[in-house]
Amino acid sequence: MFFVLSKLLGYFIKPFNLILIFLLVSFLIKNKEWKKRIRWISLALFLVFSNKIIFNECLLLWEKPAISISELDDDYDLAVVLGGTTDVDREPNDRLFFHKGADRVTHALNLYHTGKVKKVLFTGGNARLFENPDRDNSPIFDFYVMCGVAPEDIIIESSSRNTRENAFFVKDLVEMNAKKGKVILITSAFHMRRAEGCFRKVGIDVTGFSTDFNTALPKDRFDVDGFIPSPGVLSSWDFLIKEWIGYVAYWLAGYI
């Protein structure tokens, strides 16, 4: 039920949809004063949510900073890689297709080949609402082998549909393969807070390794273009607001 509700809620928190709802309401109500107020609210929402600088500053406060590889010890048992960045259903199935955030997968290779981790554990099933959660992740396995990871050092978990299940379903795998209890968790920077909370809640102590950053580079932080409304920024809020709501929902549910 929690998984279904989280999926449905995602359709109603998009800034574009909120602005559209306010505009529609302004045309439907008869009170002229409220009609004007609602349209001003719509304009204010558009200006806020289409502003690059506001969006970037919110991201800076939320994304977990990157750490350098040299800061890590050389004896981590596992790198746990959260899925959601590959399209294993796309054909032809003779290669691996990536979505945004592919450096979740590739940074694990870096850690493996530099000797920071001994094994790579990929976790993620089918997150579609009305389909079987179990997914064929063999393309990911084949990709890691092609990139020089020994087959015996690759662990695949293919049933989890969300971050809570990622942590819950890999708990036994981590206990079997991380004798020292040293685990690196790899996910997108905006998602790291919730992911760390979920893993620690089930008893897995992790070192977060953030990837897939969305923040602007320091030199572009206050670029003049940031003051110009951008439709692209308006849609970019979707993933961040969804993550905030997800974090609060997980906290209320006791998952973090």
C-alpha atoms as a PDB file:
ATOM      1  CA  MET A   1       0.000   0.000   0.000  1.00  0.00           C
ATOM      2  CA  PHE A   2       2.818   2.407   0.886  1.00  0.00           C
ATOM      3  CA  PHE A   3       4.448   1.776  -2.504  1.00  0.00           C
ATOM      4  CA  VAL A   4       1.182   2.445  -4.354  1.00  0.00           C
ATOM      5  CA  LEU A   5       0.443   5.648  -2.414  1.00  0.00           C
ATOM      6  CA  SER A   6       3.946   6.975  -3.018  1.00  0.00           C
ATOM      7  CA  LYS A   7       3.535   6.426  -6.760  1.00  0.00           C
ATOM      8  CA  LEU A   8       0.149   8.145  -6.894  1.00  0.00           C
ATOM      9  CA  LEU A   9       1.291  11.081  -4.773  1.00  0.00           C
ATOM     10  CA  GLY A  10       4.101  11.748  -7.210  1.00  0.00           C
ATOM     11  CA  TYR A  11       1.607  12.890  -9.829  1.00  0.00           C
ATOM     12  CA  PHE A  12       0.092  15.558  -7.610  1.00  0.00           C
ATOM     13  CA  ILE A  13       3.173  17.372  -6.293  1.00  0.00           C
ATOM     14  CA  LYS A  14       4.629  18.616  -9.561  1.00  0.00           C
ATOM     15  CA  PRO A  15       4.914  22.461  -9.576  1.00  0.00           C
ATOM     16  CA  PHE A  16       3.592  22.591 -13.148  1.00  0.00           C
ATOM     17  CA  ASN A  17       0.465  20.706 -12.102  1.00  0.00           C
ATOM     18  CA  LEU A  18      -0.041  22.944  -9.066  1.00  0.00           C
ATOM     19  CA  ILE A  19       0.213  26.084 -11.185  1.00  0.00           C
ATOM     20  CA  LEU A  20      -2.183  24.608 -13.736  1.00  0.00           C
ATOM     21  CA  ILE A  21      -4.703  23.740 -11.006  1.00  0.00           C
ATOM     22  CA  PHE A  22      -4.590  27.280  -9.607  1.00  0.00           C
ATOM     23  CA  LEU A  23      -5.153  28.727 -13.084  1.00  0.00           C
ATOM     24  CA  LEU A  24      -8.081  26.422 -13.765  1.00  0.00           C
ATOM     25  CA  VAL A  25      -9.644  27.326 -10.425  1.00  0.00           C
ATOM     26  CA  SER A  26      -9.250  31.037 -11.233  1.00  0.00           C
ATOM     27  CA  PHE A  27     -11.384  30.537 -14.346  1.00  0.00           C
ATOM     28  CA  LEU A  28     -14.030  28.522 -12.552  1.00  0.00           C
ATOM     29  CA  ILE A  29     -14.739  30.692  -9.506  1.00  0.00           C
ATOM     30  CA  LYS A  30     -17.018  33.704  -9.830  1.00  0.00           C
ATOM     31  CA  ASN A  31     -15.650  35.904  -7.046  1.00  0.00           C
ATOM     32  CA  LYS A  32     -13.547  38.555  -8.836  1.00  0.00           C
ATOM     33  CA  GLU A  33     -11.340  39.278  -5.810  1.00  0.00           C
ATOM     34  CA  TRP A  34     -10.435  35.644  -5.308  1.00  0.00           C
ATOM     35  CA  LYS A  35     -10.009  35.205  -9.053  1.00  0.00           C
ATOM     36  CA  LYS A  36      -7.329  37.915  -8.997  1.00  0.00           C
ATOM     37  CA  ARG A  37      -5.636  36.532  -5.882  1.00  0.00           C
ATOM     38  CA  ILE A  38      -5.394  33.028  -7.291  1.00  0.00           C
ATOM     39  CA  ARG A  39      -3.881  34.286 -10.533  1.00  0.00           C
ATOM     40  CA  TRP A  40      -1.282  36.258  -8.593  1.00  0.00           C
ATOM     41  CA  ILE A  41      -0.501  33.089  -6.633  1.00  0.00           C
ATOM     42  CA  SER A  42      -0.074  31.231  -9.927  1.00  0.00           C
ATOM     43  CA  LEU A  43       2.340  33.880 -11.183  1.00  0.00           C
ATOM     44  CA  ALA A  44       4.315  33.822  -7.930  1.00  0.00           C
ATOM     45  CA  LEU A  45       4.595  30.029  -8.049  1.00  0.00           C
ATOM     46  CA  PHE A  46       5.810  30.188 -11.644  1.00  0.00           C
ATOM     47  CA  LEU A  47       8.491  32.792 -10.834  1.00  0.00           C
ATOM     48  CA  VAL A  48       9.742  30.831  -7.818  1.00  0.00           C
ATOM     49  CA  PHE A  49       9.781  27.384  -9.391  1.00  0.00           C
ATOM     50  CA  SER A  50      11.295  28.547 -12.690  1.00  0.00           C
ATOM     51  CA  ASN A  51      14.208  30.353 -10.999  1.00  0.00           C
ATOM     52  CA  LYS A  52      17.527  28.517 -11.430  1.00  0.00           C
ATOM     53  CA  ILE A  53      19.184  30.181  -8.445  1.00  0.00           C
ATOM     54  CA  ILE A  54      16.445  29.248  -5.989  1.00  0.00           C
ATOM     55  CA  PHE A  55      16.438  25.679  -7.266  1.00  0.00           C
ATOM     56  CA  ASN A  56      20.214  25.393  -7.066  1.00  0.00           C
ATOM     57  CA  GLU A  57      20.387  26.778  -3.516  1.00  0.00           C
ATOM     58  CA  CYS A  58      17.780  24.259  -2.371  1.00  0.00           C
ATOM     59  CA  LEU A  59      19.792  21.471  -3.996  1.00  0.00           C
ATOM     60  CA  LEU A  60      22.979  22.642  -2.286  1.00  0.00           C
ATOM     61  CA  LEU A  61      21.264  22.381   1.087  1.00  0.00           C
ATOM     62  CA  TRP A  62      19.912  18.908   0.379  1.00  0.00           C
ATOM     63  CA  GLU A  63      22.476  16.991  -1.666  1.00  0.00           C
ATOM     64  CA  LYS A  64      25.098  15.131   0.363  1.00  0.00           C
ATOM     65  CA  PRO A  65      28.599  16.355  -0.635  1.00  0.00           C
ATOM     66  CA  ALA A  66      31.014  14.148  -2.534  1.00  0.00           C
ATOM     67  CA  ILE A  67      34.001  12.628  -0.780  1.00  0.00           C
ATOM     68  CA  SER A  68      37.303  11.921  -2.485  1.00  0.00           C
ATOM     69  CA  ILE A  69      38.332   8.331  -3.077  1.00  0.00           C
ATOM     70  CA  SER A  70      41.588   8.969  -1.195  1.00  0.00           C
ATOM     71  CA  GLU A  71      39.553   9.577   1.987  1.00  0.00           C
ATOM     72  CA  LEU A  72      38.265   5.997   1.944  1.00  0.00           C
ATOM     73  CA  ASP A  73      39.994   3.046   3.580  1.00  0.00           C
ATOM     74  CA  ASP A  74      41.260   0.226   1.400  1.00  0.00           C
ATOM     75  CA  ASP A  75      39.343  -2.627   3.032  1.00  0.00           C
ATOM     76  CA  TYR A  76      35.637  -2.118   2.373  1.00  0.00           C
ATOM     77  CA  ASP A  77      33.792  -5.398   1.846  1.00  0.00           C
ATOM     78  CA  LEU A  78      31.054  -4.134  -0.439  1.00  0.00           C
ATOM     79  CA  ALA A  79      29.929  -1.285  -2.627  1.00  0.00           C
ATOM     80  CA  VAL A  80      26.123  -1.355  -2.591  1.00  0.00           C
ATOM     81  CA  VAL A  81      24.813   0.308  -5.757  1.00  0.00           C
ATOM     82  CA  LEU A  82      21.176   1.441  -5.785  1.00  0.00           C
ATOM     83  CA  GLY A  83      19.429   0.843  -9.096  1.00  0.00           C
ATOM     84  CA  GLY A  84      17.016   2.984 -11.049  1.00  0.00           C
ATOM     85  CA  THR A  85      19.557   4.216 -13.589  1.00  0.00           C
ATOM     86  CA  THR A  86      19.456   1.422 -16.157  1.00  0.00           C
ATOM     87  CA  ASP A  87      16.866   0.319 -18.698  1.00  0.00           C
ATOM     88  CA  VAL A  88      17.248  -3.447 -18.873  1.00  0.00           C
ATOM     89  CA  ASP A  89      13.920  -3.821 -20.703  1.00  0.00           C
ATOM     90  CA  ARG A  90      15.009  -1.889 -23.796  1.00  0.00           C
ATOM     91  CA  GLU A  91      15.914  -3.869 -26.879  1.00  0.00           C
ATOM     92  CA  PRO A  92      18.140  -4.994 -28.392  1.00  0.00           C
ATOM     93  CA  ASN A  93      19.256  -6.712 -25.210  1.00  0.00           C
ATOM     94  CA  ASP A  94      22.870  -7.107 -26.335  1.00  0.00           C
ATOM     95  CA  ARG A  95      23.949  -4.000 -24.396  1.00  0.00           C
ATOM     96  CA  LEU A  96      23.111  -2.002 -21.282  1.00  0.00           C
ATOM     97  CA  PHE A  97      21.132   1.221 -21.677  1.00  0.00           C
ATOM     98  CA  PHE A  98      21.593   3.898 -19.022  1.00  0.00           C
ATOM     99  CA  HIS A  99      19.306   6.610 -17.725  1.00  0.00           C
ATOM    100  CA  LYS A 100      20.538   9.744 -15.986  1.00  0.00           C
ATOM    101  CA  GLY A 101      22.602   8.877 -12.943  1.00  0.00           C
ATOM    102  CA  ALA A 102      24.681   6.183 -14.623  1.00  0.00           C
ATOM    103  CA  ASP A 103      27.671   7.163 -12.493  1.00  0.00           C
ATOM    104  CA  ARG A 104      26.050   5.183  -9.665  1.00  0.00           C
ATOM    105  CA  VAL A 105      27.104   2.141 -11.685  1.00  0.00           C
ATOM    106  CA  THR A 106      30.408   3.428 -13.034  1.00  0.00           C
ATOM    107  CA  HIS A 107      31.740   4.870  -9.767  1.00  0.00           C
ATOM    108  CA  ALA A 108      31.445   1.411  -8.249  1.00  0.00           C
ATOM    109  CA  LEU A 109      33.841   0.220 -10.961  1.00  0.00           C
ATOM    110  CA  ASN A 110      36.295   2.915  -9.948  1.00  0.00           C
ATOM    111  CA  LEU A 111      36.148   1.864  -6.304  1.00  0.00           C
ATOM    112  CA  TYR A 112      36.568  -1.793  -7.244  1.00  0.00           C
ATOM    113  CA  HIS A 113      39.535  -1.293  -9.551  1.00  0.00           C
ATOM    114  CA  THR A 114      41.303   1.046  -7.116  1.00  0.00           C
ATOM    115  CA  GLY A 115      41.041  -1.650  -4.456  1.00  0.00           C
ATOM    116  CA  LYS A 116      38.691   0.240  -2.145  1.00  0.00           C
ATOM    117  CA  VAL A 117      35.998  -2.467  -2.254  1.00  0.00           C
ATOM    118  CA  LYS A 118      36.174  -6.217  -2.717  1.00  0.00           C
ATOM    119  CA  LYS A 119      32.709  -6.820  -4.166  1.00  0.00           C
ATOM    120  CA  VAL A 120      29.903  -4.923  -5.884  1.00  0.00           C
ATOM    121  CA  LEU A 121      26.268  -5.483  -4.890  1.00  0.00           C
ATOM    122  CA  PHE A 122      23.650  -4.056  -7.264  1.00  0.00           C
ATOM    123  CA  THR A 123      20.126  -3.746  -5.878  1.00  0.00           C
ATOM    124  CA  GLY A 124      16.975  -2.833  -7.769  1.00  0.00           C
ATOM    125  CA  GLY A 125      13.962  -4.505  -9.335  1.00  0.00           C
ATOM    126  CA  ASN A 126      11.065  -3.282 -11.423  1.00  0.00           C
ATOM    127  CA  ALA A 127       9.539  -0.146  -9.864  1.00  0.00           C
ATOM    128  CA  ARG A 128       6.549   0.019 -12.219  1.00  0.00           C
ATOM    129  CA  LEU A 129       3.272   0.011 -10.345  1.00  0.00           C
ATOM    130  CA  PHE A 130       1.400  -2.775 -12.154  1.00  0.00           C
ATOM    131  CA  GLU A 131       4.204  -5.145 -13.120  1.00  0.00           C
ATOM    132  CA  ASN A 132       6.096  -7.965 -11.472  1.00  0.00           C
ATOM    133  CA  PRO A 133       8.824  -6.435  -9.286  1.00  0.00           C
ATOM    134  CA  ASP A 134      11.389  -9.098 -10.195  1.00  0.00           C
ATOM    135  CA  ARG A 135      13.657  -7.898 -12.973  1.00  0.00           C
ATOM    136  CA  ASP A 136      16.218  -9.563 -15.189  1.00  0.00           C
ATOM    137  CA  ASN A 137      19.400  -7.754 -14.157  1.00  0.00           C
ATOM    138  CA  SER A 138      21.717 -10.001 -16.158  1.00  0.00           C
ATOM    139  CA  PRO A 139      22.710  -7.060 -18.450  1.00  0.00           C
ATOM    140  CA  ILE A 140      24.135  -5.305 -15.388  1.00  0.00           C
ATOM    141  CA  PHE A 141      26.018  -8.447 -14.400  1.00  0.00           C
ATOM    142  CA  ASP A 142      27.397  -8.787 -17.932  1.00  0.00           C
ATOM    143  CA  PHE A 143      28.360  -5.098 -17.980  1.00  0.00           C
ATOM    144  CA  TYR A 144      30.405  -5.421 -14.799  1.00  0.00           C
ATOM    145  CA  VAL A 145      32.125  -8.560 -16.106  1.00  0.00           C
ATOM    146  CA  MET A 146      32.915  -6.763 -19.377  1.00  0.00           C
ATOM    147  CA  CYS A 147      34.457  -3.938 -17.324  1.00  0.00           C
ATOM    148  CA  GLY A 148      36.795  -6.299 -15.517  1.00  0.00           C
ATOM    149  CA  VAL A 149      34.922  -7.231 -12.350  1.00  0.00           C
ATOM    150  CA  ALA A 150      35.353 -10.900 -11.452  1.00  0.00           C
ATOM    151  CA  PRO A 151      31.992 -12.758 -11.664  1.00  0.00           C
ATOM    152  CA  GLU A 152      32.369 -14.009  -8.107  1.00  0.00           C
ATOM    153  CA  ASP A 153      32.665 -10.389  -6.937  1.00  0.00           C
ATOM    154  CA  ILE A 154      29.260  -9.374  -8.365  1.00  0.00           C
ATOM    155  CA  ILE A 155      26.061  -9.759  -6.335  1.00  0.00           C
ATOM    156  CA  ILE A 156      22.661  -8.945  -7.812  1.00  0.00           C
ATOM    157  CA  GLU A 157      19.389  -8.298  -5.950  1.00  0.00           C
ATOM    158  CA  SER A 158      16.471  -8.002  -8.385  1.00  0.00           C
ATOM    159  CA  SER A 159      13.248  -7.744  -6.361  1.00  0.00           C
ATOM    160  CA  SER A 160      13.331  -4.417  -4.488  1.00  0.00           C
ATOM    161  CA  ARG A 161      11.107  -1.625  -5.805  1.00  0.00           C
ATOM    162  CA  ASN A 162      12.043   1.284  -3.545  1.00  0.00           C
ATOM    163  CA  THR A 163      14.723   2.431  -1.129  1.00  0.00           C
ATOM    164  CA  ARG A 164      13.153   0.737   1.888  1.00  0.00           C
ATOM    165  CA  GLU A 165      13.134  -2.585   0.038  1.00  0.00           C
ATOM    166  CA  ASN A 166      16.690  -1.992  -1.229  1.00  0.00           C
ATOM    167  CA  ALA A 167      17.896  -1.930   2.365  1.00  0.00           C
ATOM    168  CA  PHE A 168      15.606  -4.691   3.647  1.00  0.00           C
ATOM    169  CA  PHE A 169      16.278  -7.138   0.805  1.00  0.00           C
ATOM    170  CA  VAL A 170      20.078  -6.807   0.845  1.00  0.00           C
ATOM    171  CA  LYS A 171      20.456  -7.114   4.625  1.00  0.00           C
ATOM    172  CA  ASP A 172      21.151 -10.873   4.524  1.00  0.00           C
ATOM    173  CA  LEU A 173      23.421 -10.481   1.482  1.00  0.00           C
ATOM    174  CA  VAL A 174      25.441  -7.829   3.292  1.00  0.00           C
ATOM    175  CA  GLU A 175      25.755 -10.000   6.404  1.00  0.00           C
ATOM    176  CA  MET A 176      27.026 -12.905   4.290  1.00  0.00           C
ATOM    177  CA  ASN A 177      29.509 -10.882   2.241  1.00  0.00           C
ATOM    178  CA  ALA A 178      30.645  -8.082   4.539  1.00  0.00           C
ATOM    179  CA  LYS A 179      32.428  -9.879   7.339  1.00  0.00           C
ATOM    180  CA  LYS A 180      34.073  -6.661   8.516  1.00  0.00           C
ATOM    181  CA  GLY A 181      30.792  -4.794   8.256  1.00  0.00           C
ATOM    182  CA  LYS A 182      32.368  -2.131   6.047  1.00  0.00           C
ATOM    183  CA  VAL A 183      29.967  -1.074   3.319  1.00  0.00           C
ATOM    184  CA  ILE A 184      30.003   1.823   0.863  1.00  0.00           C
ATOM    185  CA  LEU A 185      26.572   2.999  -0.281  1.00  0.00           C
ATOM    186  CA  ILE A 186      26.413   4.500  -3.772  1.00  0.00           C
ATOM    187  CA  THR A 187      23.431   6.536  -4.899  1.00  0.00           C
ATOM    188  CA  SER A 188      22.550   9.978  -6.227  1.00  0.00           C
ATOM    189  CA  ALA A 189      23.487  12.908  -4.003  1.00  0.00           C
ATOM    190  CA  PHE A 190      19.874  14.109  -3.679  1.00  0.00           C
ATOM    191  CA  HIS A 191      18.801  10.592  -2.615  1.00  0.00           C
ATOM    192  CA  MET A 192      21.620   9.866  -0.163  1.00  0.00           C
ATOM    193  CA  ARG A 193      19.918  11.141   3.016  1.00  0.00           C
ATOM    194  CA  ARG A 194      16.950   8.811   2.644  1.00  0.00           C
ATOM    195  CA  ALA A 195      19.098   5.884   1.497  1.00  0.00           C
ATOM    196  CA  GLU A 196      21.510   6.154   4.419  1.00  0.00           C
ATOM    197  CA  GLY A 197      18.590   6.371   6.830  1.00  0.00           C
ATOM    198  CA  CYS A 198      16.971   3.224   5.418  1.00  0.00           C
ATOM    199  CA  PHE A 199      20.147   1.151   5.537  1.00  0.00           C
ATOM    200  CA  ARG A 200      21.053   2.205   9.048  1.00  0.00           C
ATOM    201  CA  LYS A 201      17.494   1.528  10.193  1.00  0.00           C
ATOM    202  CA  VAL A 202      17.828  -2.155   9.225  1.00  0.00           C
ATOM    203  CA  GLY A 203      21.213  -2.362  10.939  1.00  0.00           C
ATOM    204  CA  ILE A 204      23.620  -1.808   8.033  1.00  0.00           C
ATOM    205  CA  ASP A 205      26.257   0.802   8.825  1.00  0.00           C
ATOM    206  CA  VAL A 206      27.237   2.499   5.579  1.00  0.00           C
ATOM    207  CA  THR A 207      29.649   5.094   4.266  1.00  0.00           C
ATOM    208  CA  GLY A 208      27.776   7.260   1.780  1.00  0.00           C
ATOM    209  CA  PHE A 209      29.404   7.862  -1.606  1.00  0.00           C
ATOM    210  CA  SER A 210      27.334  10.470  -3.433  1.00  0.00           C
ATOM    211  CA  THR A 211      27.119  10.559  -7.226  1.00  0.00           C
ATOM    212  CA  ASP A 212      24.904  12.105  -9.912  1.00  0.00           C
ATOM    213  CA  PHE A 213      24.994  15.727  -8.751  1.00  0.00           C
ATOM    214  CA  ASN A 214      22.420  18.213 -10.008  1.00  0.00           C
ATOM    215  CA  THR A 215      23.865  21.388  -8.485  1.00  0.00           C
ATOM    216  CA  ALA A 216      25.528  24.001 -10.675  1.00  0.00           C
ATOM    217  CA  LEU A 217      29.297  24.393 -10.545  1.00  0.00           C
ATOM    218  CA  PRO A 218      30.501  27.146  -8.161  1.00  0.00           C
ATOM    219  CA  LYS A 219      31.423  29.434 -11.070  1.00  0.00           C
ATOM    220  CA  ASP A 220      27.834  29.203 -12.380  1.00  0.00           C
ATOM    221  CA  ARG A 221      26.084  29.479  -9.034  1.00  0.00           C
ATOM    222  CA  PHE A 222      24.915  33.078  -9.479  1.00  0.00           C
ATOM    223  CA  ASP A 223      25.118  33.325 -13.240  1.00  0.00           C
ATOM    224  CA  VAL A 224      22.953  36.069 -14.713  1.00  0.00           C
ATOM    225  CA  ASP A 225      20.903  33.465 -16.605  1.00  0.00           C
ATOM    226  CA  GLY A 226      19.726  32.184 -13.261  1.00  0.00           C
ATOM    227  CA  PHE A 227      17.440  35.168 -12.854  1.00  0.00           C
ATOM    228  CA  ILE A 228      15.588  34.416 -16.092  1.00  0.00           C
ATOM    229  CA  PRO A 229      12.555  32.092 -15.698  1.00  0.00           C
ATOM    230  CA  SER A 230      13.281  28.683 -17.169  1.00  0.00           C
ATOM    231  CA  PRO A 231      10.635  26.057 -18.085  1.00  0.00           C
ATOM    232  CA  GLY A 232      13.339  23.412 -17.673  1.00  0.00           C
ATOM    233  CA  VAL A 233      13.869  24.361 -14.041  1.00  0.00           C
ATOM    234  CA  LEU A 234      10.112  24.186 -13.492  1.00  0.00           C
ATOM    235  CA  SER A 235      10.167  20.497 -14.383  1.00  0.00           C
ATOM    236  CA  SER A 236      13.429  19.848 -12.530  1.00  0.00           C
ATOM    237  CA  TRP A 237      11.723  20.494  -9.208  1.00  0.00           C
ATOM    238  CA  ASP A 238       9.733  17.282  -9.615  1.00  0.00           C
ATOM    239  CA  PHE A 239      12.456  14.904  -8.438  1.00  0.00           C
ATOM    240  CA  LEU A 240      13.536  17.119  -5.534  1.00  0.00           C
ATOM    241  CA  ILE A 241      10.041  17.697  -4.142  1.00  0.00           C
ATOM    242  CA  LYS A 242       9.295  14.005  -4.586  1.00  0.00           C
ATOM    243  CA  GLU A 243      12.443  13.198  -2.615  1.00  0.00           C
ATOM    244  CA  TRP A 244      11.481  15.593   0.198  1.00  0.00           C
ATOM    245  CA  ILE A 245       8.024  14.042   0.458  1.00  0.00           C
ATOM    246  CA  GLY A 246       9.550  10.573   0.312  1.00  0.00           C
ATOM    247  CA  TYR A 247      11.918  11.407   3.140  1.00  0.00           C
ATOM    248  CA  VAL A 248       9.104  12.713   5.352  1.00  0.00           C
ATOM    249  CA  ALA A 249       6.890   9.728   4.487  1.00  0.00           C
ATOM    250  CA  TYR A 250       9.673   7.276   5.337  1.00  0.00           C
ATOM    251  CA  TRP A 251      10.294   9.082   8.617  1.00  0.00           C
ATOM    252  CA  LEU A 252       6.604   8.937   9.537  1.00  0.00           C
ATOM    253  CA  ALA A 253       6.483   5.248   8.601  1.00  0.00           C
ATOM    254  CA  GLY A 254       9.545   4.486  10.726  1.00  0.00           C
ATOM    255  CA  TYR A 255      11.713   3.448   7.789  1.00  0.00           C
ATOM    256  CA  ILE A 256      14.489   5.896   8.679  1.00  0.00           C
END
